[in-house]
Amino acid sequence: MRYKVKVEAVEGVEAIEEVEAIEEVEAVNRVEAINRVEAVDKVEAINRVEAIDRVEAVNRVEAVNRVEAINRVEAVNGVEAIKEVGAIEEVEAVKEVEAVKEVEAIKEAEAIKEVEIYLVLLNQSLLDSSSTDMLV
């Protein structure tokens, strides 16, 4: 009977040790599982941060592209405005030249009329003087 009790006591200790060993393995497994979950969480957090960084980088590039496009449009508008001003100045210069030519043509026409009037008067005076010469 004594041996039986001793055997049972040994078996009881061994059973306790087995339970403790199982509990230790389970505890290790739980820690490892927690570590895996935390590692996955860290990787996911890193991926989220990287995705945010990529989106921000894309947004920065798009903002730069928009600014450059706006600058190009403004530059084109500036060049066109300068061309329009130049074209207007050229048209005005042409109009001024034409106005000067018209004034000069009017002056020439008036001068020609004056010469014609002078010639008519001179001719009239010559006719008048020749008719008085005939009377004498």
N, C-alpha and C. Protein backbone atom coordinates (compact mmCIF):
# COMPACT_ATOMS: atom_id res chain seq x y z
N MET A 1 0.79 -1.17 0.00
CA MET A 1 0.00 0.00 0.00
C MET A 1 0.86 1.26 0.00
N ARG A 2 1.94 1.12 0.75
CA ARG A 2 2.84 2.24 0.81
C ARG A 2 3.41 2.57 -0.55
N TYR A 3 3.73 1.53 -1.27
CA TYR A 3 4.31 1.76 -2.60
C TYR A 3 3.28 2.41 -3.53
N LYS A 4 2.07 1.92 -3.32
CA LYS A 4 1.02 2.47 -4.15
C LYS A 4 0.86 3.96 -3.90
N VAL A 5 0.91 4.36 -2.64
CA VAL A 5 0.78 5.78 -2.28
C VAL A 5 1.96 6.55 -2.83
N LYS A 6 3.16 5.94 -2.72
CA LYS A 6 4.35 6.61 -3.24
C LYS A 6 4.24 6.77 -4.75
N VAL A 7 3.79 5.73 -5.40
CA VAL A 7 3.65 5.77 -6.85
C VAL A 7 2.63 6.82 -7.23
N GLU A 8 1.52 6.81 -6.50
CA GLU A 8 0.49 7.79 -6.79
C GLU A 8 1.01 9.20 -6.53
N ALA A 9 1.80 9.36 -5.47
CA ALA A 9 2.37 10.67 -5.16
C ALA A 9 3.32 11.09 -6.27
N VAL A 10 4.13 10.20 -6.77
CA VAL A 10 5.06 10.49 -7.86
C VAL A 10 4.26 10.83 -9.11
N GLU A 11 3.23 10.01 -9.35
CA GLU A 11 2.41 10.29 -10.53
C GLU A 11 1.71 11.63 -10.40
N GLY A 12 1.29 11.96 -9.19
CA GLY A 12 0.65 13.27 -8.95
C GLY A 12 1.62 14.41 -9.21
N VAL A 13 2.86 14.26 -8.72
CA VAL A 13 3.88 15.29 -8.95
C VAL A 13 4.17 15.41 -10.44
N GLU A 14 4.29 14.26 -11.08
CA GLU A 14 4.57 14.28 -12.53
C GLU A 14 3.40 14.92 -13.28
N ALA A 15 2.18 14.62 -12.85
CA ALA A 15 1.01 15.22 -13.50
C ALA A 15 1.04 16.73 -13.30
N ILE A 16 1.36 17.17 -12.08
CA ILE A 16 1.46 18.62 -11.81
C ILE A 16 2.55 19.24 -12.67
N GLU A 17 3.68 18.56 -12.75
CA GLU A 17 4.78 19.07 -13.57
C GLU A 17 4.38 19.15 -15.05
N GLU A 18 3.65 18.11 -15.50
CA GLU A 18 3.18 18.14 -16.89
C GLU A 18 2.23 19.31 -17.12
N VAL A 19 1.29 19.51 -16.16
CA VAL A 19 0.35 20.64 -16.27
C VAL A 19 1.14 21.95 -16.29
N GLU A 20 2.12 22.09 -15.39
CA GLU A 20 2.91 23.31 -15.34
C GLU A 20 3.69 23.50 -16.63
N ALA A 21 4.24 22.37 -17.18
CA ALA A 21 4.98 22.46 -18.45
C ALA A 21 4.04 22.89 -19.57
N ILE A 22 2.83 22.30 -19.56
CA ILE A 22 1.84 22.68 -20.59
C ILE A 22 1.48 24.15 -20.43
N GLU A 23 1.28 24.60 -19.19
CA GLU A 23 0.93 26.00 -18.94
C GLU A 23 2.07 26.93 -19.39
N GLU A 24 3.31 26.50 -19.12
CA GLU A 24 4.45 27.31 -19.56
C GLU A 24 4.50 27.40 -21.08
N VAL A 25 4.27 26.27 -21.76
CA VAL A 25 4.26 26.27 -23.23
C VAL A 25 3.14 27.15 -23.73
N GLU A 26 1.95 27.02 -23.09
CA GLU A 26 0.81 27.84 -23.51
C GLU A 26 1.11 29.33 -23.28
N ALA A 27 1.78 29.64 -22.15
CA ALA A 27 2.12 31.03 -21.86
C ALA A 27 3.10 31.55 -22.92
N VAL A 28 4.09 30.71 -23.25
CA VAL A 28 5.05 31.09 -24.30
C VAL A 28 4.32 31.30 -25.62
N ASN A 29 3.40 30.35 -25.92
CA ASN A 29 2.62 30.48 -27.16
C ASN A 29 1.80 31.77 -27.17
N ARG A 30 1.19 32.09 -26.02
CA ARG A 30 0.40 33.33 -25.94
C ARG A 30 1.29 34.55 -26.16
N VAL A 31 2.45 34.55 -25.53
CA VAL A 31 3.39 35.68 -25.71
C VAL A 31 3.80 35.79 -27.17
N GLU A 32 4.12 34.64 -27.77
CA GLU A 32 4.50 34.65 -29.19
C GLU A 32 3.35 35.14 -30.07
N ALA A 33 2.13 34.68 -29.75
CA ALA A 33 0.96 35.11 -30.52
C ALA A 33 0.77 36.63 -30.37
N ILE A 34 0.91 37.14 -29.14
CA ILE A 34 0.80 38.59 -28.89
C ILE A 34 1.88 39.33 -29.67
N ASN A 35 3.10 38.79 -29.63
CA ASN A 35 4.20 39.42 -30.37
C ASN A 35 3.91 39.44 -31.87
N ARG A 36 3.34 38.33 -32.38
CA ARG A 36 3.00 38.29 -33.80
C ARG A 36 1.94 39.34 -34.13
N VAL A 37 0.90 39.41 -33.29
CA VAL A 37 -0.16 40.41 -33.50
C VAL A 37 0.44 41.82 -33.46
N GLU A 38 1.30 42.08 -32.47
CA GLU A 38 1.93 43.40 -32.36
C GLU A 38 2.82 43.68 -33.57
N ALA A 39 3.53 42.64 -34.04
CA ALA A 39 4.37 42.82 -35.23
C ALA A 39 3.50 43.14 -36.44
N VAL A 40 2.38 42.42 -36.59
CA VAL A 40 1.46 42.71 -37.69
C VAL A 40 0.93 44.13 -37.57
N ASP A 41 0.55 44.52 -36.34
CA ASP A 41 0.05 45.88 -36.12
C ASP A 41 1.11 46.92 -36.50
N LYS A 42 2.36 46.65 -36.12
CA LYS A 42 3.45 47.58 -36.46
C LYS A 42 3.63 47.67 -37.98
N VAL A 43 3.62 46.51 -38.64
CA VAL A 43 3.75 46.50 -40.10
C VAL A 43 2.61 47.27 -40.74
N GLU A 44 1.37 47.03 -40.25
CA GLU A 44 0.21 47.74 -40.79
C GLU A 44 0.33 49.24 -40.54
N ALA A 45 0.81 49.61 -39.35
CA ALA A 45 0.98 51.04 -39.05
C ALA A 45 2.04 51.64 -39.97
N ILE A 46 3.13 50.91 -40.18
CA ILE A 46 4.19 51.38 -41.09
C ILE A 46 3.62 51.53 -42.50
N ASN A 47 2.85 50.54 -42.93
CA ASN A 47 2.24 50.59 -44.28
C ASN A 47 1.31 51.80 -44.41
N ARG A 48 0.53 52.06 -43.33
CA ARG A 48 -0.37 53.21 -43.36
C ARG A 48 0.42 54.50 -43.47
N VAL A 49 1.48 54.61 -42.68
CA VAL A 49 2.33 55.81 -42.72
C VAL A 49 2.96 55.97 -44.11
N GLU A 50 3.46 54.86 -44.67
CA GLU A 50 4.05 54.92 -46.00
C GLU A 50 3.02 55.31 -47.05
N ALA A 51 1.80 54.76 -46.92
CA ALA A 51 0.73 55.11 -47.86
C ALA A 51 0.40 56.59 -47.75
N ILE A 52 0.31 57.10 -46.51
CA ILE A 52 0.05 58.53 -46.29
C ILE A 52 1.18 59.36 -46.90
N ASP A 53 2.44 58.93 -46.68
CA ASP A 53 3.58 59.65 -47.26
C ASP A 53 3.50 59.67 -48.78
N ARG A 54 3.13 58.53 -49.38
CA ARG A 54 3.01 58.48 -50.84
C ARG A 54 1.92 59.43 -51.33
N VAL A 55 0.77 59.40 -50.64
CA VAL A 55 -0.33 60.30 -51.03
C VAL A 55 0.11 61.75 -50.90
N GLU A 56 0.80 62.08 -49.81
CA GLU A 56 1.27 63.46 -49.62
C GLU A 56 2.28 63.84 -50.69
N ALA A 57 3.17 62.89 -51.03
CA ALA A 57 4.15 63.17 -52.08
C ALA A 57 3.45 63.40 -53.42
N VAL A 58 2.46 62.55 -53.72
CA VAL A 58 1.69 62.73 -54.96
C VAL A 58 0.98 64.07 -54.95
N ASN A 59 0.38 64.43 -53.82
CA ASN A 59 -0.31 65.72 -53.71
C ASN A 59 0.67 66.88 -53.91
N ARG A 60 1.88 66.75 -53.35
CA ARG A 60 2.88 67.81 -53.54
C ARG A 60 3.25 67.94 -55.01
N VAL A 61 3.47 66.79 -55.66
CA VAL A 61 3.81 66.82 -57.09
C VAL A 61 2.67 67.45 -57.89
N GLU A 62 1.43 67.04 -57.58
CA GLU A 62 0.28 67.60 -58.29
C GLU A 62 0.16 69.09 -58.04
N ALA A 63 0.43 69.53 -56.80
CA ALA A 63 0.38 70.96 -56.49
C ALA A 63 1.44 71.71 -57.27
N VAL A 64 2.66 71.14 -57.33
CA VAL A 64 3.74 71.77 -58.10
C VAL A 64 3.35 71.84 -59.57
N ASN A 65 2.77 70.74 -60.10
CA ASN A 65 2.35 70.73 -61.50
C ASN A 65 1.29 71.79 -61.76
N ARG A 66 0.33 71.93 -60.81
CA ARG A 66 -0.71 72.95 -60.97
C ARG A 66 -0.09 74.34 -60.99
N VAL A 67 0.83 74.59 -60.05
CA VAL A 67 1.49 75.91 -59.99
C VAL A 67 2.25 76.18 -61.29
N GLU A 68 2.97 75.15 -61.78
CA GLU A 68 3.72 75.34 -63.04
C GLU A 68 2.76 75.58 -64.21
N ALA A 69 1.63 74.85 -64.22
CA ALA A 69 0.65 75.07 -65.30
C ALA A 69 0.08 76.48 -65.22
N ILE A 70 -0.24 76.93 -64.00
CA ILE A 70 -0.75 78.30 -63.82
C ILE A 70 0.29 79.30 -64.28
N ASN A 71 1.55 79.07 -63.90
CA ASN A 71 2.63 79.98 -64.32
C ASN A 71 2.76 80.01 -65.84
N ARG A 72 2.63 78.82 -66.48
CA ARG A 72 2.72 78.80 -67.94
C ARG A 72 1.58 79.58 -68.57
N VAL A 73 0.35 79.36 -68.04
CA VAL A 73 -0.82 80.09 -68.57
C VAL A 73 -0.62 81.59 -68.38
N GLU A 74 -0.16 81.99 -67.19
CA GLU A 74 0.06 83.41 -66.93
C GLU A 74 1.14 83.97 -67.85
N ALA A 75 2.19 83.18 -68.09
CA ALA A 75 3.25 83.63 -68.99
C ALA A 75 2.72 83.80 -70.40
N VAL A 76 1.92 82.83 -70.84
CA VAL A 76 1.31 82.92 -72.19
C VAL A 76 0.41 84.14 -72.26
N ASN A 77 -0.42 84.35 -71.22
CA ASN A 77 -1.31 85.51 -71.19
C ASN A 77 -0.51 86.81 -71.22
N GLY A 78 0.61 86.82 -70.48
CA GLY A 78 1.46 88.02 -70.46
C GLY A 78 2.04 88.30 -71.84
N VAL A 79 2.53 87.24 -72.50
CA VAL A 79 3.10 87.40 -73.85
C VAL A 79 2.02 87.89 -74.82
N GLU A 80 0.82 87.28 -74.73
CA GLU A 80 -0.27 87.70 -75.62
C GLU A 80 -0.66 89.14 -75.36
N ALA A 81 -0.70 89.54 -74.07
CA ALA A 81 -1.04 90.92 -73.74
C ALA A 81 0.01 91.88 -74.31
N ILE A 82 1.28 91.49 -74.19
CA ILE A 82 2.36 92.32 -74.75
C ILE A 82 2.20 92.42 -76.27
N LYS A 83 1.90 91.28 -76.92
CA LYS A 83 1.71 91.29 -78.38
C LYS A 83 0.54 92.19 -78.76
N GLU A 84 -0.57 92.10 -77.98
CA GLU A 84 -1.73 92.93 -78.27
C GLU A 84 -1.38 94.41 -78.14
N VAL A 85 -0.64 94.76 -77.08
CA VAL A 85 -0.23 96.16 -76.89
C VAL A 85 0.64 96.59 -78.06
N GLY A 86 1.60 95.73 -78.45
CA GLY A 86 2.46 96.04 -79.59
C GLY A 86 1.66 96.22 -80.86
N ALA A 87 0.67 95.33 -81.07
CA ALA A 87 -0.15 95.42 -82.27
C ALA A 87 -0.96 96.71 -82.26
N ILE A 88 -1.51 97.07 -81.08
CA ILE A 88 -2.27 98.32 -80.97
C ILE A 88 -1.36 99.51 -81.26
N GLU A 89 -0.15 99.48 -80.71
CA GLU A 89 0.79 100.59 -80.96
C GLU A 89 1.14 100.69 -82.43
N GLU A 90 1.32 99.52 -83.09
CA GLU A 90 1.62 99.53 -84.53
C GLU A 90 0.45 100.11 -85.32
N VAL A 91 -0.79 99.70 -84.96
CA VAL A 91 -1.98 100.22 -85.65
C VAL A 91 -2.07 101.72 -85.45
N GLU A 92 -1.83 102.19 -84.21
CA GLU A 92 -1.89 103.62 -83.94
C GLU A 92 -0.81 104.37 -84.72
N ALA A 93 0.39 103.77 -84.80
CA ALA A 93 1.47 104.42 -85.56
C ALA A 93 1.09 104.51 -87.03
N VAL A 94 0.50 103.43 -87.57
CA VAL A 94 0.06 103.44 -88.97
C VAL A 94 -1.01 104.52 -89.17
N LYS A 95 -1.97 104.62 -88.22
CA LYS A 95 -3.03 105.63 -88.32
C LYS A 95 -2.42 107.03 -88.29
N GLU A 96 -1.43 107.22 -87.42
CA GLU A 96 -0.79 108.55 -87.34
C GLU A 96 -0.09 108.88 -88.66
N VAL A 97 0.61 107.89 -89.23
CA VAL A 97 1.29 108.11 -90.53
C VAL A 97 0.25 108.43 -91.59
N GLU A 98 -0.85 107.68 -91.61
CA GLU A 98 -1.90 107.94 -92.60
C GLU A 98 -2.52 109.32 -92.39
N ALA A 99 -2.71 109.71 -91.11
CA ALA A 99 -3.28 111.03 -90.83
C ALA A 99 -2.32 112.12 -91.32
N VAL A 100 -1.02 111.92 -91.08
CA VAL A 100 -0.03 112.89 -91.55
C VAL A 100 -0.06 112.97 -93.07
N LYS A 101 -0.15 111.80 -93.73
CA LYS A 101 -0.20 111.78 -95.20
C LYS A 101 -1.45 112.50 -95.70
N GLU A 102 -2.60 112.27 -95.00
CA GLU A 102 -3.84 112.94 -95.40
C GLU A 102 -3.70 114.45 -95.25
N VAL A 103 -3.12 114.90 -94.13
CA VAL A 103 -2.92 116.34 -93.92
C VAL A 103 -2.01 116.91 -95.00
N GLU A 104 -0.92 116.17 -95.30
CA GLU A 104 0.00 116.63 -96.34
C GLU A 104 -0.70 116.67 -97.71
N ALA A 105 -1.55 115.66 -97.98
CA ALA A 105 -2.28 115.64 -99.25
C ALA A 105 -3.24 116.82 -99.32
N ILE A 106 -3.91 117.10 -98.20
CA ILE A 106 -4.82 118.25 -98.16
C ILE A 106 -4.05 119.55 -98.40
N LYS A 107 -2.89 119.68 -97.73
CA LYS A 107 -2.06 120.88 -97.90
C LYS A 107 -1.61 121.01 -99.35
N GLU A 108 -1.20 119.86 -99.95
CA GLU A 108 -0.77 119.90 -101.36
C GLU A 108 -1.94 120.31 -102.26
N ALA A 109 -3.14 119.76 -101.96
CA ALA A 109 -4.31 120.11 -102.76
C ALA A 109 -4.63 121.59 -102.62
N GLU A 110 -4.53 122.09 -101.39
CA GLU A 110 -4.79 123.51 -101.16
C GLU A 110 -3.74 124.37 -101.87
N ALA A 111 -2.49 123.91 -101.81
CA ALA A 111 -1.41 124.66 -102.48
C ALA A 111 -1.64 124.68 -103.99
N ILE A 112 -2.09 123.51 -104.51
CA ILE A 112 -2.37 123.43 -105.95
C ILE A 112 -3.52 124.38 -106.30
N LYS A 113 -4.56 124.42 -105.44
CA LYS A 113 -5.69 125.32 -105.68
C LYS A 113 -5.22 126.77 -105.65
N GLU A 114 -4.36 127.07 -104.67
CA GLU A 114 -3.85 128.44 -104.58
C GLU A 114 -3.07 128.80 -105.84
N VAL A 115 -2.26 127.84 -106.31
CA VAL A 115 -1.49 128.09 -107.53
C VAL A 115 -2.46 128.28 -108.70
N GLU A 116 -3.47 127.42 -108.75
CA GLU A 116 -4.45 127.54 -109.84
C GLU A 116 -5.17 128.89 -109.77
N ILE A 117 -5.55 129.27 -108.55
CA ILE A 117 -6.22 130.57 -108.38
C ILE A 117 -5.27 131.69 -108.79
N TYR A 118 -4.03 131.56 -108.38
CA TYR A 118 -3.04 132.59 -108.74
C TYR A 118 -2.87 132.67 -110.26
N LEU A 119 -2.83 131.49 -110.88
CA LEU A 119 -2.68 131.46 -112.33
C LEU A 119 -3.91 132.06 -113.02
N VAL A 120 -5.08 131.75 -112.49
CA VAL A 120 -6.31 132.31 -113.05
C VAL A 120 -6.28 133.84 -112.90
N LEU A 121 -5.90 134.30 -111.71
CA LEU A 121 -5.83 135.74 -111.47
C LEU A 121 -4.76 136.40 -112.34
N LEU A 122 -3.64 135.70 -112.46
CA LEU A 122 -2.55 136.23 -113.29
C LEU A 122 -3.00 136.29 -114.74
N ASN A 123 -3.66 135.26 -115.17
CA ASN A 123 -4.16 135.21 -116.54
C ASN A 123 -5.20 136.31 -116.76
N GLN A 124 -6.08 136.45 -115.76
CA GLN A 124 -7.09 137.50 -115.83
C GLN A 124 -6.44 138.88 -115.89
N SER A 125 -5.43 139.06 -115.10
CA SER A 125 -4.75 140.35 -115.06
C SER A 125 -4.04 140.61 -116.38
N LEU A 126 -3.47 139.53 -116.96
CA LEU A 126 -2.80 139.69 -118.26
C LEU A 126 -3.82 140.03 -119.33
N LEU A 127 -4.96 139.39 -119.24
CA LEU A 127 -6.01 139.68 -120.21
C LEU A 127 -6.50 141.13 -120.06
N ASP A 128 -6.66 141.53 -118.82
CA ASP A 128 -7.13 142.89 -118.56
C ASP A 128 -6.11 143.92 -119.07
N SER A 129 -4.84 143.64 -118.82
CA SER A 129 -3.83 144.60 -119.25
C SER A 129 -3.69 144.60 -120.77
N SER A 130 -3.86 143.46 -121.39
CA SER A 130 -3.76 143.45 -122.85
C SER A 130 -4.96 144.15 -123.48
N SER A 131 -6.09 144.07 -122.87
CA SER A 131 -7.24 144.75 -123.45
C SER A 131 -7.12 146.24 -123.27
N THR A 132 -6.51 146.71 -122.23
CA THR A 132 -6.31 148.14 -122.08
C THR A 132 -5.22 148.63 -123.02
N ASP A 133 -4.27 147.81 -123.35
CA ASP A 133 -3.22 148.19 -124.30
C ASP A 133 -3.83 148.36 -125.69
N MET A 134 -4.79 147.59 -125.95
CA MET A 134 -5.39 147.69 -127.27
C MET A 134 -6.21 148.97 -127.40
N LEU A 135 -6.73 149.40 -126.31
CA LEU A 135 -7.54 150.61 -126.36
C LEU A 135 -6.66 151.83 -126.61
N VAL A 136 -5.51 151.85 -126.22
CA VAL A 136 -4.65 153.02 -126.39
C VAL A 136 -4.19 153.11 -127.76
